[in-house]
Protein backbone atom coordinates (compact mmCIF):
# COMPACT_ATOMS: atom_id res chain seq x y z
CA UNK A 1 170.37 101.06 104.75
CA UNK A 2 167.82 102.63 107.11
CA UNK A 3 164.12 101.76 106.96
CA UNK A 4 163.14 105.39 107.70
CA UNK A 5 162.42 106.28 104.11
CA UNK A 6 161.93 102.82 102.63
CA UNK A 7 158.28 103.43 101.79
CA UNK A 8 159.19 106.53 99.83
CA UNK A 9 162.54 105.73 98.28
CA UNK A 10 162.34 102.03 97.36
CA UNK A 11 159.74 102.56 94.64
CA UNK A 12 160.73 101.99 91.07
CA UNK A 13 161.71 105.33 89.56
CA UNK A 14 159.53 106.27 86.62
CA UNK A 15 161.37 107.25 83.43
CA UNK A 16 158.37 108.95 81.80
CA UNK A 17 159.40 112.61 81.73
CA UNK A 18 156.02 113.88 80.51
CA UNK A 19 154.20 112.21 83.39
CA UNK A 20 156.89 113.39 85.82
CA UNK A 21 156.35 117.03 84.88
CA UNK A 22 152.57 116.57 85.06
CA UNK A 23 153.00 115.17 88.58
CA UNK A 24 155.26 118.10 89.49
CA UNK A 25 152.58 120.54 88.36
CA UNK A 26 150.12 119.02 90.85
CA UNK A 27 152.33 120.13 93.74
CA UNK A 28 152.28 123.80 92.64
CA UNK A 29 155.80 124.31 94.03
CA UNK A 30 157.84 125.35 90.99
CA UNK A 31 159.01 128.94 91.67
CA UNK A 32 156.65 129.08 94.65
CA UNK A 33 158.90 131.24 96.81
CA UNK A 34 160.79 130.82 100.05
CA UNK A 35 159.48 128.65 102.87
CA UNK A 36 161.06 128.41 106.31
CA UNK A 37 159.86 124.82 106.81
CA UNK A 38 162.05 123.67 103.92
CA UNK A 39 164.88 125.99 104.99
CA UNK A 40 165.00 124.28 108.38
CA UNK A 41 165.47 120.90 106.72
CA UNK A 42 168.37 122.04 104.54
CA UNK A 43 169.97 123.76 107.56
CA UNK A 44 169.83 120.48 109.51
CA UNK A 45 171.20 118.51 106.55
CA UNK A 46 174.21 120.81 106.24
CA UNK A 47 174.98 120.69 109.95
CA UNK A 48 174.51 116.94 110.40
CA UNK A 49 176.54 116.04 107.30
CA UNK A 50 179.08 118.83 107.97
CA UNK A 51 178.90 120.30 104.48
CA UNK A 52 178.71 123.96 103.47
CA UNK A 53 175.72 123.66 101.14
CA UNK A 54 172.38 121.83 101.19
CA UNK A 55 169.53 122.24 98.71
CA UNK A 56 166.08 121.04 97.79
CA UNK A 57 166.16 121.11 94.00
CA UNK A 58 163.04 121.24 91.86
CA UNK A 59 163.68 119.87 88.39
CA UNK A 60 161.72 121.59 85.64
CA UNK A 61 161.67 120.98 81.93
CA UNK A 62 165.02 122.63 81.17
CA UNK A 63 166.17 124.21 84.45
CA UNK A 64 166.78 123.30 88.07
CA UNK A 65 165.23 125.66 90.63
CA UNK A 66 165.80 125.58 94.39
CA UNK A 67 162.90 125.43 96.84
CA UNK A 68 165.50 125.87 99.57
CA UNK A 69 169.24 126.57 99.43
CA UNK A 70 171.38 126.72 102.57
CA UNK A 71 174.91 128.19 102.27
CA UNK A 72 174.42 129.77 98.86
CA UNK A 73 172.15 132.14 97.01
CA UNK A 74 169.35 130.32 95.18
CA UNK A 75 169.63 130.64 91.42
CA UNK A 76 168.31 128.69 88.48
CA UNK A 77 170.79 126.54 86.60
CA UNK A 78 170.48 124.51 83.39
CA UNK A 79 169.16 121.05 84.04
CA UNK A 80 171.47 119.39 81.51
CA UNK A 81 174.69 118.03 83.07
CA UNK A 82 173.57 119.06 86.59
CA UNK A 83 174.20 116.85 89.60
CA UNK A 84 170.44 116.67 90.26
CA UNK A 85 169.73 115.39 86.76
CA UNK A 86 172.21 112.59 87.37
CA UNK A 87 170.78 111.81 90.83
CA UNK A 88 167.22 111.70 89.51
CA UNK A 89 168.09 109.18 86.81
CA UNK A 90 170.58 107.07 88.78
CA UNK A 91 167.89 104.86 90.32
CA UNK A 92 169.67 104.84 93.67
CA UNK A 93 168.27 105.57 97.12
CA UNK A 94 171.16 107.92 97.83
CA UNK A 95 173.29 108.98 94.90
CA UNK A 96 176.82 109.80 96.15
CA UNK A 97 179.66 110.91 93.89
CA UNK A 98 183.04 112.67 94.21
CA UNK A 99 185.53 114.22 91.83
CA UNK A 100 188.31 111.74 92.57
CA UNK A 101 186.30 108.79 91.25
CA UNK A 102 184.45 110.72 88.50
CA UNK A 103 186.68 113.63 87.41
CA UNK A 104 185.17 114.05 83.94
CA UNK A 105 181.62 114.30 85.26
CA UNK A 106 182.60 116.91 87.86
CA UNK A 107 184.51 118.89 85.26
CA UNK A 108 181.40 119.03 83.12
CA UNK A 109 178.88 119.53 85.95
CA UNK A 110 180.82 122.29 87.67
CA UNK A 111 180.37 124.45 84.58
CA UNK A 112 176.73 125.12 85.58
CA UNK A 113 177.43 126.05 89.20
CA UNK A 114 178.90 129.20 90.75
CA UNK A 115 181.78 127.34 92.39
CA UNK A 116 183.79 124.14 92.02
CA UNK A 117 182.43 121.14 93.91
CA UNK A 118 184.19 117.86 94.66
CA UNK A 119 181.46 116.00 96.55
CA UNK A 120 177.73 115.54 96.00
CA UNK A 121 175.00 113.41 97.58
CA UNK A 122 171.39 113.51 96.39
CA UNK A 123 168.15 111.72 97.28
CA UNK A 124 165.36 111.76 94.67
CA UNK A 125 162.01 112.68 96.24
CA UNK A 126 159.49 110.33 94.66
CA UNK A 127 155.72 110.54 94.70
CA UNK A 128 153.52 107.43 95.01
CA UNK A 129 153.87 106.72 91.28
CA UNK A 130 157.66 106.86 91.34
CA UNK A 131 157.97 110.28 89.70
CA UNK A 132 160.91 112.35 90.94
CA UNK A 133 159.42 115.63 92.17
CA UNK A 134 162.67 117.02 93.53
CA UNK A 135 166.11 116.08 94.83
CA UNK A 136 167.27 116.62 98.40
CA UNK A 137 171.02 117.17 98.07
CA UNK A 138 174.23 118.32 99.75
CA UNK A 139 177.46 119.70 98.23
CA UNK A 140 181.03 120.13 99.38
CA UNK A 141 184.06 121.84 97.83
CA UNK A 142 186.30 119.02 99.04
CA UNK A 143 186.25 115.25 98.77
CA UNK A 144 184.59 113.57 101.74
CA UNK A 145 182.48 110.61 102.85
CA UNK A 146 179.24 110.18 104.81
CA UNK A 147 179.03 107.76 107.72
CA UNK A 148 175.97 105.56 108.23
CA UNK A 149 174.30 107.89 110.74
CA UNK A 150 174.67 110.81 108.35
CA UNK A 151 173.12 108.78 105.54
CA UNK A 152 170.21 107.79 107.79
CA UNK A 153 169.73 111.40 108.86
CA UNK A 154 169.80 112.59 105.26
CA UNK A 155 167.16 110.01 104.34
CA UNK A 156 164.97 111.11 107.25
CA UNK A 157 165.21 114.77 106.27
CA UNK A 158 164.45 113.92 102.64
CA UNK A 159 161.42 111.97 103.80
CA UNK A 160 160.18 114.97 105.79
CA UNK A 161 160.71 117.17 102.77
CA UNK A 162 158.53 114.89 100.64
CA UNK A 163 155.92 114.84 103.41
CA UNK A 164 155.85 118.63 103.24
CA UNK A 165 155.35 118.51 99.49
CA UNK A 166 152.47 116.07 99.91
CA UNK A 167 150.91 118.17 102.66
CA UNK A 168 151.10 121.33 100.57
CA UNK A 169 149.62 119.52 97.58
CA UNK A 170 146.63 118.33 99.60
CA UNK A 171 146.22 121.82 101.06
CA UNK A 172 146.20 123.30 97.55
CA UNK A 173 143.57 120.78 96.42
CA UNK A 174 141.48 121.50 99.50
CA UNK A 175 141.64 125.24 98.83
CA UNK A 176 140.50 124.60 95.27
CA UNK A 177 137.58 122.49 96.51
CA UNK A 178 136.69 125.17 99.05
CA UNK A 179 136.63 127.82 96.34
CA UNK A 180 134.34 125.66 94.21
CA UNK A 181 132.07 124.95 97.17
CA UNK A 182 131.88 128.64 98.02
CA UNK A 183 130.96 129.39 94.43
CA UNK A 184 128.24 126.72 94.50
CA UNK A 185 127.01 128.00 97.86
CA UNK A 186 126.80 131.55 96.52
CA UNK A 187 124.81 130.26 93.56
CA UNK A 188 122.50 128.37 95.92
CA UNK A 189 122.04 131.46 98.10
CA UNK A 190 121.21 133.53 95.03
CA UNK A 191 118.73 130.88 93.92
CA UNK A 192 117.15 130.81 97.41
CA UNK A 193 116.83 134.60 97.35
CA UNK A 194 115.15 134.60 93.93
CA UNK A 195 112.78 131.78 94.87
CA UNK A 196 111.99 133.51 98.16
CA UNK A 197 111.02 136.69 96.34
CA UNK A 198 109.03 134.84 93.70
CA UNK A 199 107.08 132.88 96.36
CA UNK A 200 106.50 135.72 98.80
CA UNK A 201 104.92 138.02 96.24
CA UNK A 202 102.00 135.71 95.34
CA UNK A 203 101.67 134.75 99.02
CA UNK A 204 101.16 138.40 99.92
CA UNK A 205 98.45 138.58 97.25
CA UNK A 206 96.76 135.44 98.61
CA UNK A 207 96.76 136.84 102.14
CA UNK A 208 95.45 140.28 101.19
CA UNK A 209 92.79 138.93 98.82
CA UNK A 210 91.62 136.37 101.38
CA UNK A 211 91.31 139.05 104.06
CA UNK A 212 89.43 141.24 101.59
CA UNK A 213 87.12 138.35 100.71
CA UNK A 214 86.36 137.81 104.40
CA UNK A 215 85.62 141.47 105.06
CA UNK A 216 83.43 142.03 102.02
CA UNK A 217 81.45 138.82 102.45
CA UNK A 218 81.34 138.41 106.21
CA UNK A 219 77.55 138.49 106.21
CA UNK A 220 77.26 135.92 103.43
CA UNK A 221 79.77 133.35 104.71
CA UNK A 222 78.83 130.63 107.13
CA UNK A 223 81.09 129.57 109.98
CA UNK A 224 82.70 126.75 108.04
CA UNK A 225 83.58 129.02 105.10
CA UNK A 226 85.12 131.60 107.42
CA UNK A 227 87.09 128.82 109.07
CA UNK A 228 88.41 127.74 105.67
CA UNK A 229 89.52 131.28 104.89
CA UNK A 230 91.18 131.62 108.31
CA UNK A 231 93.06 128.42 107.65
CA UNK A 232 94.12 129.70 104.22
CA UNK A 233 95.53 132.89 105.78
CA UNK A 234 97.27 130.96 108.55
CA UNK A 235 98.85 128.54 106.08
CA UNK A 236 100.01 131.41 103.89
CA UNK A 237 101.69 133.12 106.84
CA UNK A 238 103.34 129.80 107.83
CA UNK A 239 104.67 129.32 104.31
CA UNK A 240 105.99 132.90 104.24
CA UNK A 241 107.79 132.38 107.57
CA UNK A 242 109.21 129.12 106.27
CA UNK A 243 110.60 130.83 103.16
CA UNK A 244 112.07 133.63 105.32
CA UNK A 245 113.71 131.00 107.53
CA UNK A 246 115.33 129.20 104.62
CA UNK A 247 116.78 132.45 103.32
CA UNK A 248 118.00 133.38 106.79
CA UNK A 249 119.73 130.01 107.20
CA UNK A 250 121.64 130.33 103.93
CA UNK A 251 122.60 133.91 104.71
CA UNK A 252 123.82 132.99 108.19
CA UNK A 253 127.31 132.17 106.90
CA UNK A 254 127.84 135.87 106.19
CA UNK A 255 127.48 136.53 109.90
CA UNK A 256 130.39 134.18 110.55
CA UNK A 257 132.59 136.26 108.24
CA UNK A 258 132.24 139.30 110.50
CA UNK A 259 135.27 140.61 112.35
CA UNK A 260 136.04 139.26 115.79
CA UNK A 261 136.03 141.73 118.67
CA UNK A 262 135.97 142.09 122.45
CA UNK A 263 132.44 142.23 123.90
CA UNK A 264 130.96 143.43 127.20
CA UNK A 265 128.32 140.72 127.74
CA UNK A 266 125.78 142.77 129.80
CA UNK A 267 125.74 145.50 127.14
CA UNK A 268 125.23 142.93 124.38
CA UNK A 269 122.37 141.22 126.24
CA UNK A 270 120.66 144.49 127.18
CA UNK A 271 120.43 145.51 123.53
CA UNK A 272 118.92 142.14 122.65
CA UNK A 273 116.52 141.81 125.59
CA UNK A 274 115.24 145.36 125.09
CA UNK A 275 113.60 144.03 121.93
CA UNK A 276 111.42 141.68 123.99
CA UNK A 277 110.75 143.25 127.40
CA UNK A 278 108.24 145.65 125.86
CA UNK A 279 105.86 142.71 125.50
CA UNK A 280 103.41 142.15 128.34
CA UNK A 281 104.39 139.94 131.29
CA UNK A 282 107.94 139.24 130.16
CA UNK A 283 110.81 138.96 132.64
CA UNK A 284 114.37 138.47 131.36
CA UNK A 285 117.39 138.35 133.66
CA UNK A 286 121.03 138.25 132.62
CA UNK A 287 124.51 138.69 134.20
CA UNK A 288 125.71 142.15 135.16
CA UNK A 289 129.33 141.16 134.58
CA UNK A 290 131.27 139.42 131.84
CA UNK A 291 133.88 140.29 129.21
CA UNK A 292 134.41 138.15 126.12
CA UNK A 293 137.68 138.39 124.21
CA UNK A 294 137.93 138.24 120.41
CA UNK A 295 134.59 136.63 119.53
CA UNK A 296 132.16 136.91 116.65
CA UNK A 297 129.71 139.40 118.14
CA UNK A 298 127.21 139.14 115.27
CA UNK A 299 127.02 135.34 115.47
CA UNK A 300 126.65 135.30 119.27
CA UNK A 301 123.92 137.96 119.07
CA UNK A 302 122.02 135.83 116.56
CA UNK A 303 122.28 132.81 118.88
CA UNK A 304 120.82 134.73 121.83
CA UNK A 305 118.07 136.30 119.72
CA UNK A 306 116.91 132.89 118.47
CA UNK A 307 117.00 131.26 121.90
CA UNK A 308 115.21 134.14 123.66
CA UNK A 309 112.61 134.42 120.91
CA UNK A 310 111.85 130.69 121.12
CA UNK A 311 111.71 130.82 124.93
CA UNK A 312 109.00 133.50 124.75
CA UNK A 313 107.04 132.14 121.79
CA UNK A 314 106.77 128.58 123.08
CA UNK A 315 105.50 129.68 126.48
CA UNK A 316 101.89 129.79 127.67
CA UNK A 317 102.55 131.00 131.20
CA UNK A 318 100.96 134.22 132.43
CA UNK A 319 104.44 135.58 133.20
CA UNK A 320 107.03 134.41 130.72
CA UNK A 321 110.49 134.17 132.24
CA UNK A 322 113.94 133.82 130.70
CA UNK A 323 117.12 133.58 132.75
CA UNK A 324 120.57 133.85 131.16
CA UNK A 325 123.72 132.80 133.05
CA UNK A 326 127.39 132.88 132.16
CA UNK A 327 130.69 131.48 133.38
CA UNK A 328 134.17 131.16 131.96
CA UNK A 329 136.87 128.47 132.11
CA UNK A 330 140.39 128.38 130.77
CA UNK A 331 139.21 127.04 127.40
CA UNK A 332 135.53 127.99 126.94
CA UNK A 333 132.84 130.56 127.57
CA UNK A 334 129.74 128.79 128.96
CA UNK A 335 126.17 130.06 128.69
CA UNK A 336 122.73 128.89 129.81
CA UNK A 337 119.35 130.17 128.61
CA UNK A 338 116.51 128.87 130.80
CA UNK A 339 112.76 129.44 130.45
CA UNK A 340 109.45 128.40 132.04
CA UNK A 341 107.89 127.48 128.69
CA UNK A 342 106.13 124.41 127.36
CA UNK A 343 109.24 122.21 127.41
CA UNK A 344 110.37 119.48 125.05
CA UNK A 345 109.79 115.74 125.04
CA UNK A 346 112.87 113.65 125.83
CA UNK A 347 112.75 111.93 122.43
CA UNK A 348 112.74 115.27 120.60
CA UNK A 349 115.91 116.77 122.12
CA UNK A 350 118.20 115.78 119.22
CA UNK A 351 115.54 116.38 116.61
CA UNK A 352 115.08 120.08 117.39
CA UNK A 353 118.58 120.98 116.12
CA UNK A 354 118.08 119.32 112.73
CA UNK A 355 117.35 121.56 109.76
CA UNK A 356 113.66 121.52 108.71
CA UNK A 357 112.80 119.19 111.59
CA UNK A 358 109.66 120.40 113.39
CA UNK A 359 107.70 119.27 116.45
CA UNK A 360 103.95 119.02 116.79
CA UNK A 361 103.88 121.95 119.23
CA UNK A 362 102.66 125.40 118.13
CA UNK A 363 103.75 128.69 119.61
CA UNK A 364 101.51 130.88 121.79
CA UNK A 365 100.06 132.47 118.66
CA UNK A 366 99.09 129.14 117.10
CA UNK A 367 101.89 129.03 114.54
CA UNK A 368 103.98 125.91 113.89
CA UNK A 369 107.77 126.09 113.85
CA UNK A 370 109.82 126.11 110.66
CA UNK A 371 112.62 123.85 111.90
CA UNK A 372 115.24 126.43 110.96
CA UNK A 373 115.91 128.66 114.00
CA UNK A 374 117.63 126.12 116.26
CA UNK A 375 119.46 124.58 113.30
CA UNK A 376 120.93 128.04 112.66
CA UNK A 377 121.84 128.38 116.35
CA UNK A 378 123.67 125.05 116.29
CA UNK A 379 125.44 125.99 113.07
CA UNK A 380 126.72 129.28 114.55
CA UNK A 381 127.90 127.69 117.77
CA UNK A 382 129.73 124.83 116.08
CA UNK A 383 131.47 127.23 113.72
CA UNK A 384 132.65 129.12 116.80
CA UNK A 385 134.24 125.82 117.93
CA UNK A 386 131.55 125.11 120.49
CA UNK A 387 128.56 122.87 121.14
CA UNK A 388 124.99 123.11 122.43
CA UNK A 389 122.70 120.84 124.44
CA UNK A 390 119.26 121.13 126.01
CA UNK A 391 117.80 119.96 129.31
CA UNK A 392 114.02 119.94 129.24
CA UNK A 393 110.88 118.23 130.41
CA UNK A 394 107.48 118.56 128.83
CA UNK A 395 105.50 121.24 130.63
CA UNK A 396 108.41 122.31 132.84
CA UNK A 397 110.50 124.60 130.67
CA UNK A 398 113.87 124.20 128.98
CA UNK A 399 117.51 125.09 129.60
CA UNK A 400 119.78 125.47 126.57
CA UNK A 401 123.43 125.08 127.52
CA UNK A 402 126.15 126.04 125.07
CA UNK A 403 129.83 126.85 125.01
CA UNK A 404 132.14 128.64 122.58
CA UNK A 405 135.90 128.37 122.37
CA UNK A 406 138.00 131.06 124.04
CA UNK A 407 140.90 132.55 122.06
């Protein structure tokens, strides 16, 4: 017989009915509704074997239910005395029987069906432990035989049916894991929000009390004491920004759940750049043309806001410049955000996209980075099926190049 389904069908069939039903439950297929993928397999089986009826039979505790039934209306039948019960327990790769050789069995079995059959062939679909999950079977109202090619074809189709069952089982497990992960993530986000609030409140008190202490005692404090208080305020602000960044990173997934829409790129960039051009000596240029189809507008906006903000903060030039360019290919939208800022060391190019990874550089206001902004940018872009890279040299500015998948 063919080797097509040897790996699946040559296992020893398990006779433990309790374990078989437990295995069946893992596939979540019993009474799971119609599915065209299975219907295509039974259609091919009927045509190749030249029979009027083909079925994929799921065997429950007391009844047989059909995942797919070609040539007849699907209906539950009693499991006892059914052809599928016999095929499942026969221990054969292909169980073939006809009414001429087994008249008594057909007389008994036909009582549970809606018509009188005289030919049956069934292939038990076994999982890795040898439990029969289902039976791939064909019926005919007349006595007939299958040639070798038909048997091989039937085995191949049965194998594909079992592959579908396995695929759906893994998909169901993955969905369950995803639901659990989402629940854990929501709990983590809630925790981050609570911690953020609980930390920011005393930080605000520290900052305000320190500023008050400086003002009320400015005549009594020496330079070193004032320097200590300035450092205390600066550290408090840095910690507050760090907490805000953590919360923003965990909330960023909500942006990715926004609806996809068509976007006019110049309009999008104008709204973003208007937030920054009010600052002194800032020049931002961007394309005057560009239409993006079916993209996550909120996520892309967040990417540009982070990149432009960084380009202006980490820039000590008298005139801070940012240039945005855009092009499109058959598969991606490509963007570049260039600046004349302080640049990045070659060895730090991979590091800057890692969460909580910071460089020694401070922004133009003397504040250190949190290591969260570019990690969020990378996260958004990758979840839009894209990637990001940076070209930079210390003291000579940076160019962030990224792409996102076109629909």
